[in-house]
Each structure stands twice: as structure tokens, then as C-alpha cells.
Amino acid sequence: MYGKCGDINAAFRVFESMPEKNLVSWNVIIGGYARHGLASRALEEFDRMVKGNFVPDEISFINVLSACVHGGMIEQGEEIFYETMQVKYGMRATMEHYSCMVDLYGKAGELEKAEELIKRMPFEPDVVVWGALLGACGLHSCLEIGEAAANGIREVEKDHPAVYSVLSKIYGENGARSGVIRLDKVIRGWNAKKQKAGSWIESNPGLIG
């Protein structure tokens, strides 16, 4: 609760006051630091957890890899993904773990590495994996790999609105006016619409007034 509300220091104090910690509580604090962009602290807690003889699970590695994404820690992420998770603990990487690695490479500008990793995956990539690559291409204005990622998304989910908005941005930043026009025609033909952002709250009418 404290972590999700933005008070990670209070979350850590509660965590430290626990008379007994289990894997769930470790995962929560590591994930909390990762979500707040405190990558080094997340990795420190992960190391402390392992030294305390706790065996990390799939969630543990998703959290710590997410921390590496936020911190731009490619070398640490590679070591955790390949050596710690797969060699030391013999754990098979899931789609979520691959998605984290694609996101890690992509945000750091290592788009070729991200694309190559997707090609080496032991299963077909889903829309989240392709979306991580497409988002990175939008961040770095990479047209060629961006089009490949968009094609991958369309194979999984034909009418995904993010494809058009990100590709349009990439075309525009690369001065590819013909591509923007072609994309606009596809959008009109497929009736794709970008969803408006929104938020919601839930209240108990009996408590109001």
C-alpha cells in the first residue's frame, strides 16, 4: 500500500519491522523500489534476499529486471537474465522476462539487440514484446526496426491503435511524408481509433453527505 501510494520509505520501514519475512514480502519491496525508479536499491534488496537463503521465483526476476530497465543497467540485466536466473537457478525465462529484456535493450538504444533477442525466443512473441520494441523505436526514431515491430504486432493483433500513433511519429521524425500518408489511409480503412485517456474513482454513496 505505501509503495503504491508513493511513500517507498514508509513501505521499507514496515518491511523492516516484520518479525518474519517471506518471498512475497521480498518481492513486494523489490518491486516497489523498481516502480519508483530506484534501481540500485531494488538490486541491493534482491542481493539481500538471496543471501538470506530465499530462492527467487518468476516474480522476483520480473521485478529485478524491471529495475534494470528503469536504471538503464544493461550489463546487470544481462547477468541476471542469463546467469542468475537461467544458469544458477535453472529457471526458464517466460514471455514477461523476455519483454523486460527487450524493453531494457530498447530504451538504451540497443534496438538491434532487442530485435535479435525476439528472433531467438523459444516461443512466438506476444503483443507486449512487440510493443516494447515498437515503443523503443518511437523513442529513438528508428524507422526500419519500427516497421518490423509494427508488422509483428499486426500479426498478433491486427487492429492495435498504438501501431499507428507510434509509426506516424517515426515517419514524421524521419521526414517520410509518403509513409505518413500511406499510414493515414490504413487507419481510415481499418477504422482504428486511439482511445482517450481517462481515470476513475469508486465511492460509497452511503458515506457521502
Protein backbone atom coordinates (compact mmCIF):
# COMPACT_ATOMS: atom_id res chain seq x y z
CA MET A 1 0.00 0.00 0.00
CA TYR A 2 2.67 2.52 0.99
CA GLY A 3 4.76 1.65 -2.05
CA LYS A 4 1.89 2.07 -4.49
CA CYS A 5 0.87 5.32 -2.82
CA GLY A 6 4.35 6.74 -3.43
CA ASP A 7 5.84 6.51 0.07
CA ILE A 8 8.52 3.89 -0.51
CA ASN A 9 10.35 4.91 2.68
CA ALA A 10 7.30 4.06 4.79
CA ALA A 11 6.97 0.81 2.85
CA PHE A 12 10.56 -0.08 3.71
CA ARG A 13 10.06 0.74 7.41
CA VAL A 14 7.08 -1.61 7.57
CA PHE A 15 9.04 -4.24 5.68
CA GLU A 16 11.98 -3.98 8.09
CA SER A 17 9.68 -4.18 11.12
CA MET A 18 8.27 -7.55 10.04
CA PRO A 19 9.29 -10.25 12.55
CA GLU A 20 9.42 -12.77 9.72
CA LYS A 21 9.86 -12.07 6.03
CA ASN A 22 8.77 -14.41 3.25
CA LEU A 23 9.26 -14.44 -0.51
CA VAL A 24 6.10 -12.41 -1.09
CA SER A 25 7.26 -9.57 1.16
CA TRP A 26 10.67 -9.54 -0.51
CA ASN A 27 9.07 -9.40 -3.93
CA VAL A 28 6.84 -6.52 -2.85
CA ILE A 29 9.69 -4.34 -1.59
CA ILE A 30 11.91 -5.11 -4.59
CA GLY A 31 9.02 -4.32 -6.93
CA GLY A 32 8.30 -1.13 -5.03
CA TYR A 33 11.82 0.16 -5.50
CA ALA A 34 11.71 -0.86 -9.17
CA ARG A 35 8.46 1.04 -9.80
CA HIS A 36 9.91 4.16 -8.20
CA GLY A 37 12.98 4.03 -10.45
CA LEU A 38 15.30 3.21 -7.54
CA ALA A 39 17.13 0.52 -9.45
CA SER A 40 20.19 0.27 -7.22
CA ARG A 41 18.07 -0.16 -4.10
CA ALA A 42 15.99 -2.86 -5.82
CA LEU A 43 19.14 -4.78 -6.72
CA GLU A 44 20.51 -4.34 -3.19
CA GLU A 45 17.35 -5.83 -1.70
CA PHE A 46 17.44 -8.66 -4.23
CA ASP A 47 21.00 -9.49 -3.17
CA ARG A 48 19.99 -9.30 0.49
CA MET A 49 17.08 -11.63 -0.17
CA VAL A 50 19.29 -14.21 -1.89
CA LYS A 51 21.90 -14.01 0.87
CA GLY A 52 19.09 -14.70 3.34
CA ASN A 53 18.61 -18.09 1.67
CA PHE A 54 15.40 -17.17 -0.12
CA VAL A 55 15.07 -18.71 -3.58
CA PRO A 56 13.72 -16.13 -6.07
CA ASP A 57 10.73 -17.03 -8.22
CA GLU A 58 9.45 -15.72 -11.56
CA ILE A 59 8.04 -12.57 -9.94
CA SER A 60 11.36 -11.84 -8.23
CA PHE A 61 13.15 -11.81 -11.58
CA ILE A 62 10.46 -9.76 -13.30
CA ASN A 63 10.82 -7.15 -10.54
CA VAL A 64 14.61 -7.03 -10.61
CA LEU A 65 14.74 -6.95 -14.43
CA SER A 66 12.21 -4.12 -14.38
CA ALA A 67 14.54 -2.29 -12.02
CA CYS A 68 17.36 -2.72 -14.55
CA VAL A 69 15.08 -1.24 -17.23
CA HIS A 70 14.40 1.86 -15.13
CA GLY A 71 18.09 2.22 -14.29
CA GLY A 72 19.39 1.54 -17.81
CA MET A 73 21.54 -1.25 -16.36
CA ILE A 74 22.20 -3.44 -19.39
CA GLU A 75 25.15 -5.42 -18.01
CA GLN A 76 23.39 -6.15 -14.73
CA GLY A 77 20.20 -7.10 -16.56
CA GLU A 78 22.05 -9.49 -18.86
CA GLU A 79 23.81 -11.13 -15.93
CA ILE A 80 20.54 -11.57 -14.03
CA PHE A 81 18.64 -12.85 -17.09
CA TYR A 82 21.23 -15.28 -18.41
CA GLU A 83 23.49 -16.24 -15.50
CA THR A 84 21.49 -15.82 -12.30
CA MET A 85 18.04 -16.83 -13.46
CA GLN A 86 18.73 -19.45 -16.12
CA VAL A 87 22.10 -20.91 -15.08
CA LYS A 88 22.26 -20.55 -11.29
CA TYR A 89 18.58 -21.21 -10.56
CA GLY A 90 17.74 -23.22 -13.68
CA MET A 91 14.61 -21.17 -14.30
CA ARG A 92 13.15 -20.98 -17.78
CA ALA A 93 12.54 -17.43 -18.99
CA THR A 94 8.88 -16.58 -19.60
CA MET A 95 7.36 -14.07 -22.01
CA GLU A 96 7.41 -11.44 -19.24
CA HIS A 97 11.14 -11.88 -18.69
CA TYR A 98 11.84 -11.55 -22.40
CA SER A 99 9.63 -8.47 -22.52
CA CYS A 100 11.72 -6.88 -19.77
CA MET A 101 14.93 -7.59 -21.68
CA VAL A 102 13.52 -6.20 -24.93
CA ASP A 103 12.45 -3.10 -23.00
CA LEU A 104 15.91 -2.87 -21.40
CA TYR A 105 17.74 -3.04 -24.73
CA GLY A 106 15.22 -0.82 -26.48
CA LYS A 107 15.22 2.06 -24.03
CA ALA A 108 19.03 2.02 -24.01
CA GLY A 109 19.04 2.36 -27.81
CA GLU A 110 20.28 -1.19 -28.42
CA LEU A 111 17.48 -1.87 -30.90
CA GLU A 112 19.38 -4.49 -32.91
CA LYS A 113 20.00 -6.50 -29.73
CA ALA A 114 16.32 -6.24 -28.84
CA GLU A 115 15.23 -7.42 -32.28
CA GLU A 116 17.74 -10.28 -32.25
CA LEU A 117 16.53 -11.42 -28.82
CA ILE A 118 12.96 -11.58 -30.10
CA LYS A 119 14.10 -13.76 -33.01
CA ARG A 120 15.81 -16.15 -30.56
CA MET A 121 12.80 -16.52 -28.26
CA PRO A 122 11.68 -20.16 -27.87
CA PHE A 123 8.05 -19.11 -28.44
CA GLU A 124 6.15 -16.66 -30.60
CA PRO A 125 6.33 -13.10 -29.22
CA ASP A 126 3.10 -11.55 -28.00
CA VAL A 127 1.83 -8.01 -28.43
CA VAL A 128 3.60 -6.85 -25.24
CA VAL A 129 7.03 -7.92 -26.52
CA TRP A 130 6.47 -6.36 -29.95
CA GLY A 131 5.01 -3.28 -28.26
CA ALA A 132 8.15 -2.84 -26.15
CA LEU A 133 10.25 -2.88 -29.31
CA LEU A 134 7.92 -0.53 -31.18
CA GLY A 135 7.86 1.90 -28.27
CA ALA A 136 11.66 1.92 -28.19
CA CYS A 137 11.75 2.59 -31.93
CA GLY A 138 9.43 5.53 -31.36
CA LEU A 139 11.73 6.79 -28.62
CA HIS A 140 14.80 6.57 -30.87
CA SER A 141 13.05 7.33 -34.21
CA CYS A 142 14.16 4.05 -35.80
CA LEU A 143 12.11 3.50 -38.95
CA GLU A 144 13.31 0.11 -40.24
CA ILE A 145 13.03 -1.84 -36.98
CA GLY A 146 9.89 0.13 -36.09
CA GLU A 147 8.15 -1.13 -39.22
CA ALA A 148 9.24 -4.70 -38.41
CA ALA A 149 7.83 -4.35 -34.88
CA ALA A 150 4.58 -2.93 -36.24
CA ASN A 151 4.26 -5.89 -38.60
CA GLY A 152 4.83 -8.22 -35.64
CA ILE A 153 2.05 -6.54 -33.67
CA ARG A 154 -0.34 -6.71 -36.63
CA GLU A 155 0.25 -10.45 -36.90
CA VAL A 156 -0.82 -10.89 -33.29
CA GLU A 157 -3.46 -8.16 -33.02
CA LYS A 158 -4.41 -6.69 -36.39
CA ASP A 159 -6.13 -3.51 -35.27
CA HIS A 160 -3.92 -2.24 -32.44
CA PRO A 161 -4.17 1.59 -32.18
CA ALA A 162 -0.65 2.05 -30.79
CA VAL A 163 0.85 0.84 -34.07
CA TYR A 164 -0.48 3.82 -35.99
CA SER A 165 0.33 6.54 -33.49
CA VAL A 166 3.91 5.37 -32.95
CA LEU A 167 4.60 4.68 -36.63
CA SER A 168 3.18 8.06 -37.58
CA LYS A 169 5.59 9.69 -35.14
CA ILE A 170 8.54 7.75 -36.55
CA TYR A 171 7.60 8.56 -40.16
CA GLY A 172 7.24 12.23 -39.31
CA GLU A 173 10.57 12.46 -37.49
CA ASN A 174 12.31 10.73 -40.40
CA GLY A 175 10.70 13.04 -42.94
CA ALA A 176 8.97 10.10 -44.60
CA ARG A 177 5.90 12.03 -45.73
CA SER A 178 4.75 9.27 -48.10
CA GLY A 179 4.75 6.84 -45.19
CA VAL A 180 2.54 9.15 -43.12
CA ILE A 181 0.06 9.45 -45.98
CA ARG A 182 0.03 5.69 -46.51
CA LEU A 183 -0.48 5.13 -42.79
CA ASP A 184 -3.37 7.60 -42.68
CA LYS A 185 -5.11 5.64 -45.44
CA VAL A 186 -4.66 2.39 -43.50
CA ILE A 187 -6.07 3.98 -40.35
CA ARG A 188 -9.17 5.23 -42.18
CA GLY A 189 -9.62 1.88 -43.91
CA TRP A 190 -9.38 -0.11 -40.69
CA ASN A 191 -11.38 2.37 -38.63
CA ALA A 192 -8.68 2.39 -35.95
CA LYS A 193 -9.20 4.87 -33.16
CA LYS A 194 -6.83 5.90 -30.42
CA GLN A 195 -8.53 5.56 -27.06
CA LYS A 196 -8.83 8.69 -24.97
CA ALA A 197 -7.05 8.70 -21.65
CA GLY A 198 -9.22 8.60 -18.58
CA SER A 199 -9.32 7.86 -14.88
CA TRP A 200 -11.96 6.69 -12.44
CA ILE A 201 -12.72 6.62 -8.76
CA GLU A 202 -15.12 4.48 -6.78
CA SER A 203 -17.03 5.82 -3.83
CA ASN A 204 -19.63 4.58 -1.37
CA PRO A 205 -22.73 6.78 -1.78
CA GLY A 206 -23.78 5.94 1.77
CA LEU A 207 -20.68 7.68 3.13
CA ILE A 208 -21.23 10.93 1.22
CA GLY A 209 -23.07 13.78 2.89
